[in-house]
Amino acid sequence: MREYPDVLDASRFREALNYYTPAEAANADFGSDVDAFKEITRNAVTQNYYADVSGGTEHGKYRLSGGYQNQNGIIIGSQLKKYTANFTGNFRFLESRRLGLISPYFSHR
């Protein structure tokens, strides 16, 4: 992340807890002074790969395409992987008749 939100640092957070909830703050374990945003965020990288093949004759045309996307989220442990495939065809099987096909496929995790 380029810019982090403006939040209380650890010492100011402890002061706020003592001020607003003194009974709970007296027995609390506040841990160490850690910047939580810097601990859980990262610079994310995205990878995209696509390929397609097309062709045909006077009797039919086709196009087959596929793709892969790997996208890391800015929160550590978040990620999206997506696979796509698509087939499109247009075929003439009689002089006056045509058949068109579209078959998409999507998968993500």
Protein backbone atom coordinates (compact mmCIF):
# COMPACT_ATOMS: atom_id res chain seq x y z
CA MET A 1 0.00 0.00 0.00
CA ARG A 2 1.30 3.41 -0.80
CA GLU A 3 -0.68 5.27 1.83
CA TYR A 4 -1.86 3.87 5.11
CA PRO A 5 -4.95 5.16 6.89
CA ASP A 6 -4.39 7.55 9.76
CA VAL A 7 -4.93 5.47 12.92
CA LEU A 8 -3.68 5.56 16.48
CA ASP A 9 -0.24 4.16 17.18
CA ALA A 10 0.13 1.59 19.97
CA SER A 11 0.80 4.05 22.82
CA ARG A 12 -2.08 6.36 21.82
CA PHE A 13 -4.36 3.33 21.50
CA ARG A 14 -3.47 2.25 25.04
CA GLU A 15 -4.18 5.77 26.29
CA ALA A 16 -7.60 5.71 24.59
CA LEU A 17 -8.44 2.34 26.14
CA ASN A 18 -7.44 3.57 29.59
CA TYR A 19 -9.56 6.67 29.11
CA TYR A 20 -12.71 5.07 27.65
CA THR A 21 -12.65 1.64 29.36
CA PRO A 22 -10.46 1.85 32.47
CA ALA A 23 -11.84 -1.34 34.07
CA GLU A 24 -11.06 -3.52 31.04
CA ALA A 25 -7.77 -1.80 30.28
CA ALA A 26 -6.36 -2.45 33.75
CA ASN A 27 -6.21 -6.23 33.13
CA ALA A 28 -5.53 -6.25 29.40
CA ASP A 29 -2.41 -7.51 27.66
CA PHE A 30 -1.71 -5.03 24.89
CA GLY A 31 1.17 -6.91 23.30
CA SER A 32 3.96 -5.11 21.50
CA ASP A 33 4.15 -1.92 19.48
CA VAL A 34 3.38 -3.19 15.99
CA ASP A 35 2.01 -1.28 13.02
CA ALA A 36 -0.84 -3.63 12.11
CA PHE A 37 -1.31 -2.30 8.58
CA LYS A 38 2.34 -2.86 7.71
CA GLU A 39 2.18 -6.36 9.21
CA ILE A 40 -0.83 -7.55 7.22
CA THR A 41 -0.45 -5.71 3.89
CA ARG A 42 1.94 -6.07 0.98
CA ASN A 43 2.55 -4.83 -2.53
CA ALA A 44 0.48 -7.06 -4.76
CA VAL A 45 1.50 -8.59 -8.07
CA THR A 46 -0.88 -9.64 -10.83
CA GLN A 47 -0.03 -12.07 -13.63
CA ASN A 48 -2.21 -12.43 -16.74
CA TYR A 49 -1.70 -14.93 -19.56
CA TYR A 50 -4.00 -15.24 -22.57
CA ALA A 51 -3.87 -17.16 -25.81
CA ASP A 52 -6.26 -17.71 -28.67
CA VAL A 53 -6.45 -19.63 -31.92
CA SER A 54 -8.85 -18.91 -34.74
CA GLY A 55 -9.38 -20.10 -38.25
CA GLY A 56 -11.87 -21.45 -40.69
CA THR A 57 -12.96 -21.97 -44.24
CA GLU A 58 -15.95 -20.93 -46.31
CA HIS A 59 -17.95 -23.62 -44.46
CA GLY A 60 -17.17 -22.54 -40.93
CA LYS A 61 -15.18 -20.37 -38.60
CA TYR A 62 -13.97 -20.99 -35.06
CA ARG A 63 -12.15 -19.26 -32.26
CA LEU A 64 -10.73 -20.93 -29.15
CA SER A 65 -9.29 -18.78 -26.37
CA GLY A 66 -8.00 -19.37 -22.87
CA GLY A 67 -6.62 -17.35 -20.03
CA TYR A 68 -5.06 -17.54 -16.60
CA GLN A 69 -4.95 -14.80 -13.98
CA ASN A 70 -3.07 -14.94 -10.68
CA GLN A 71 -3.76 -11.89 -8.56
CA ASN A 72 -2.28 -11.47 -5.10
CA GLY A 73 -4.31 -9.26 -2.80
CA ILE A 74 -2.85 -6.43 -0.76
CA ILE A 75 -3.81 -8.33 2.42
CA ILE A 76 -1.33 -11.13 3.09
CA GLY A 77 -3.02 -14.47 2.41
CA SER A 78 -5.59 -13.09 -0.04
CA GLN A 79 -5.35 -14.25 -3.63
CA LEU A 80 -7.46 -14.86 -6.72
CA LYS A 81 -6.68 -17.45 -9.36
CA LYS A 82 -8.94 -17.47 -12.39
CA TYR A 83 -9.02 -19.76 -15.41
CA THR A 84 -11.09 -18.97 -18.49
CA ALA A 85 -11.78 -20.77 -21.75
CA ASN A 86 -14.11 -19.92 -24.60
CA PHE A 87 -15.04 -21.62 -27.84
CA THR A 88 -17.02 -19.82 -30.51
CA GLY A 89 -17.96 -21.41 -33.80
CA ASN A 90 -20.16 -20.61 -36.76
CA PHE A 91 -20.67 -23.46 -39.22
CA ARG A 92 -22.69 -23.84 -42.39
CA PHE A 93 -24.05 -27.37 -42.71
CA LEU A 94 -26.60 -26.75 -45.48
CA GLU A 95 -26.74 -24.02 -48.11
CA SER A 96 -29.42 -22.12 -46.20
CA ARG A 97 -28.63 -23.20 -42.59
CA ARG A 98 -25.96 -22.11 -40.16
CA LEU A 99 -25.11 -23.32 -36.69
CA GLY A 100 -23.53 -21.01 -34.13
CA LEU A 101 -21.89 -22.26 -30.92
CA ILE A 102 -20.64 -20.34 -27.91
CA SER A 103 -19.23 -22.28 -24.98
CA PRO A 104 -17.61 -20.29 -22.13
CA TYR A 105 -15.90 -21.72 -19.05
CA PHE A 106 -14.86 -19.83 -15.93
CA SER A 107 -13.24 -21.11 -12.76
CA HIS A 108 -11.82 -19.18 -9.84
CA ARG A 109 -10.43 -19.80 -6.38
